[in-house]
Amino acid sequence: MNGQIRVELEELLLAEKELTWLLAQLRTDEQAARVLYGRLHEWRGHSANVIRDQIEAFFAGLANRIRILEQQKAELIQYVELMKRTDAVH
């Protein structure tokens, strides 16, 4: 394996690990936030509705970011596999 390709591949594999860790942390944090959000069902009034709307917007944004990170991770994995195949040919 070419030294430069090996270093790049190692960096990409590390990036994949870091993305996996980040996604796991985001999901864990989201679950904790949803538990807290579940406690808001007792709140009443305009302020409670405003906060609920803000929290729901936050969850929607978080879900979108998680989806984007998952997509980027899948693309990274495909690129790593392509590099491995390319390196095996040379």
C-alpha atoms as a PDB file:
ATOM      1  CA  MET A   1       0.000   0.000   0.000  1.00  0.00           C
ATOM      2  CA  ASN A   2       1.316   3.436  -0.905  1.00  0.00           C
ATOM      3  CA  GLY A   3       2.378   5.369   2.207  1.00  0.00           C
ATOM      4  CA  GLN A   4       0.342   8.446   1.316  1.00  0.00           C
ATOM      5  CA  ILE A   5      -2.771   6.381   0.618  1.00  0.00           C
ATOM      6  CA  ARG A   6      -2.294   4.494   3.887  1.00  0.00           C
ATOM      7  CA  VAL A   7      -2.164   7.741   5.879  1.00  0.00           C
ATOM      8  CA  GLU A   8      -5.189   9.147   4.088  1.00  0.00           C
ATOM      9  CA  LEU A   9      -7.085   5.904   4.580  1.00  0.00           C
ATOM     10  CA  GLU A  10      -6.218   5.862   8.294  1.00  0.00           C
ATOM     11  CA  GLU A  11      -7.442   9.460   8.601  1.00  0.00           C
ATOM     12  CA  LEU A  12     -10.685   8.579   6.827  1.00  0.00           C
ATOM     13  CA  LEU A  13     -11.234   5.569   9.083  1.00  0.00           C
ATOM     14  CA  LEU A  14     -10.641   7.795  12.102  1.00  0.00           C
ATOM     15  CA  ALA A  15     -13.149  10.293  10.722  1.00  0.00           C
ATOM     16  CA  GLU A  16     -15.658   7.474  10.325  1.00  0.00           C
ATOM     17  CA  LYS A  17     -15.128   6.443  13.960  1.00  0.00           C
ATOM     18  CA  GLU A  18     -15.556  10.038  15.105  1.00  0.00           C
ATOM     19  CA  LEU A  19     -18.767  10.393  13.098  1.00  0.00           C
ATOM     20  CA  THR A  20     -20.080   7.174  14.629  1.00  0.00           C
ATOM     21  CA  TRP A  21     -19.276   8.489  18.119  1.00  0.00           C
ATOM     22  CA  LEU A  22     -20.851  11.875  17.365  1.00  0.00           C
ATOM     23  CA  LEU A  23     -24.034  10.290  16.029  1.00  0.00           C
ATOM     24  CA  ALA A  24     -24.291   8.076  19.121  1.00  0.00           C
ATOM     25  CA  GLN A  25     -23.843  11.109  21.386  1.00  0.00           C
ATOM     26  CA  LEU A  26     -26.455  13.090  19.472  1.00  0.00           C
ATOM     27  CA  ARG A  27     -28.938  10.234  19.754  1.00  0.00           C
ATOM     28  CA  THR A  28     -28.242   9.834  23.483  1.00  0.00           C
ATOM     29  CA  ASP A  29     -28.644  13.568  24.049  1.00  0.00           C
ATOM     30  CA  GLU A  30     -31.818  13.594  21.975  1.00  0.00           C
ATOM     31  CA  GLN A  31     -33.296  10.801  24.091  1.00  0.00           C
ATOM     32  CA  ALA A  32     -32.465  12.680  27.296  1.00  0.00           C
ATOM     33  CA  ALA A  33     -33.987  15.869  25.885  1.00  0.00           C
ATOM     34  CA  ARG A  34     -37.136  14.001  24.860  1.00  0.00           C
ATOM     35  CA  VAL A  35     -37.512  12.661  28.408  1.00  0.00           C
ATOM     36  CA  LEU A  36     -37.313  16.205  29.724  1.00  0.00           C
ATOM     37  CA  TYR A  37     -39.702  17.372  27.033  1.00  0.00           C
ATOM     38  CA  GLY A  38     -42.144  14.682  28.098  1.00  0.00           C
ATOM     39  CA  ARG A  39     -42.353  16.325  31.500  1.00  0.00           C
ATOM     40  CA  LEU A  40     -43.740  19.497  29.939  1.00  0.00           C
ATOM     41  CA  HIS A  41     -47.171  17.961  29.384  1.00  0.00           C
ATOM     42  CA  GLU A  42     -48.272  19.477  32.693  1.00  0.00           C
ATOM     43  CA  TRP A  43     -47.389  23.005  31.606  1.00  0.00           C
ATOM     44  CA  ARG A  44     -50.322  25.132  30.502  1.00  0.00           C
ATOM     45  CA  GLY A  45     -50.778  28.489  28.865  1.00  0.00           C
ATOM     46  CA  HIS A  46     -49.202  30.600  26.156  1.00  0.00           C
ATOM     47  CA  SER A  47     -45.635  30.369  27.511  1.00  0.00           C
ATOM     48  CA  ALA A  48     -45.847  26.577  27.602  1.00  0.00           C
ATOM     49  CA  ASN A  49     -47.066  26.509  24.002  1.00  0.00           C
ATOM     50  CA  VAL A  50     -44.236  28.794  22.884  1.00  0.00           C
ATOM     51  CA  ILE A  51     -41.647  26.608  24.601  1.00  0.00           C
ATOM     52  CA  ARG A  52     -43.185  23.448  23.143  1.00  0.00           C
ATOM     53  CA  ASP A  53     -43.020  24.972  19.662  1.00  0.00           C
ATOM     54  CA  GLN A  54     -39.378  25.933  20.176  1.00  0.00           C
ATOM     55  CA  ILE A  55     -38.474  22.484  21.463  1.00  0.00           C
ATOM     56  CA  GLU A  56     -40.280  20.786  18.586  1.00  0.00           C
ATOM     57  CA  ALA A  57     -38.394  23.015  16.135  1.00  0.00           C
ATOM     58  CA  PHE A  58     -35.168  22.042  17.899  1.00  0.00           C
ATOM     59  CA  PHE A  59     -35.996  18.328  17.535  1.00  0.00           C
ATOM     60  CA  ALA A  60     -36.819  18.804  13.864  1.00  0.00           C
ATOM     61  CA  GLY A  61     -33.492  20.573  13.290  1.00  0.00           C
ATOM     62  CA  LEU A  62     -31.637  17.918  15.246  1.00  0.00           C
ATOM     63  CA  ALA A  63     -33.277  15.131  13.237  1.00  0.00           C
ATOM     64  CA  ASN A  64     -32.237  16.892  10.032  1.00  0.00           C
ATOM     65  CA  ARG A  65     -28.643  17.272  11.213  1.00  0.00           C
ATOM     66  CA  ILE A  66     -28.500  13.613  12.246  1.00  0.00           C
ATOM     67  CA  ARG A  67     -29.841  12.619   8.825  1.00  0.00           C
ATOM     68  CA  ILE A  68     -27.182  14.753   7.099  1.00  0.00           C
ATOM     69  CA  LEU A  69     -24.400  13.284   9.266  1.00  0.00           C
ATOM     70  CA  GLU A  70     -25.630   9.756   8.546  1.00  0.00           C
ATOM     71  CA  GLN A  71     -25.608  10.543   4.832  1.00  0.00           C
ATOM     72  CA  GLN A  72     -22.092  11.970   5.040  1.00  0.00           C
ATOM     73  CA  LYS A  73     -20.937   8.920   6.987  1.00  0.00           C
ATOM     74  CA  ALA A  74     -22.395   6.609   4.310  1.00  0.00           C
ATOM     75  CA  GLU A  75     -20.592   8.606   1.613  1.00  0.00           C
ATOM     76  CA  LEU A  76     -17.366   8.430   3.618  1.00  0.00           C
ATOM     77  CA  ILE A  77     -17.706   4.663   3.957  1.00  0.00           C
ATOM     78  CA  GLN A  78     -18.260   4.349   0.196  1.00  0.00           C
ATOM     79  CA  TYR A  79     -15.173   6.484  -0.464  1.00  0.00           C
ATOM     80  CA  VAL A  80     -13.072   4.386   1.925  1.00  0.00           C
ATOM     81  CA  GLU A  81     -14.195   1.206   0.176  1.00  0.00           C
ATOM     82  CA  LEU A  82     -13.348   2.748  -3.200  1.00  0.00           C
ATOM     83  CA  MET A  83      -9.882   3.679  -1.928  1.00  0.00           C
ATOM     84  CA  LYS A  84      -9.332   0.149  -0.644  1.00  0.00           C
ATOM     85  CA  ARG A  85     -10.374  -1.356  -3.980  1.00  0.00           C
ATOM     86  CA  THR A  86      -8.264   1.142  -5.927  1.00  0.00           C
ATOM     87  CA  ASP A  87      -5.238   0.460  -3.748  1.00  0.00           C
ATOM     88  CA  ALA A  88      -5.693  -3.306  -4.130  1.00  0.00           C
ATOM     89  CA  VAL A  89      -5.555  -2.929  -7.934  1.00  0.00           C
ATOM     90  CA  HIS A  90      -2.299  -0.963  -7.856  1.00  0.00           C
END
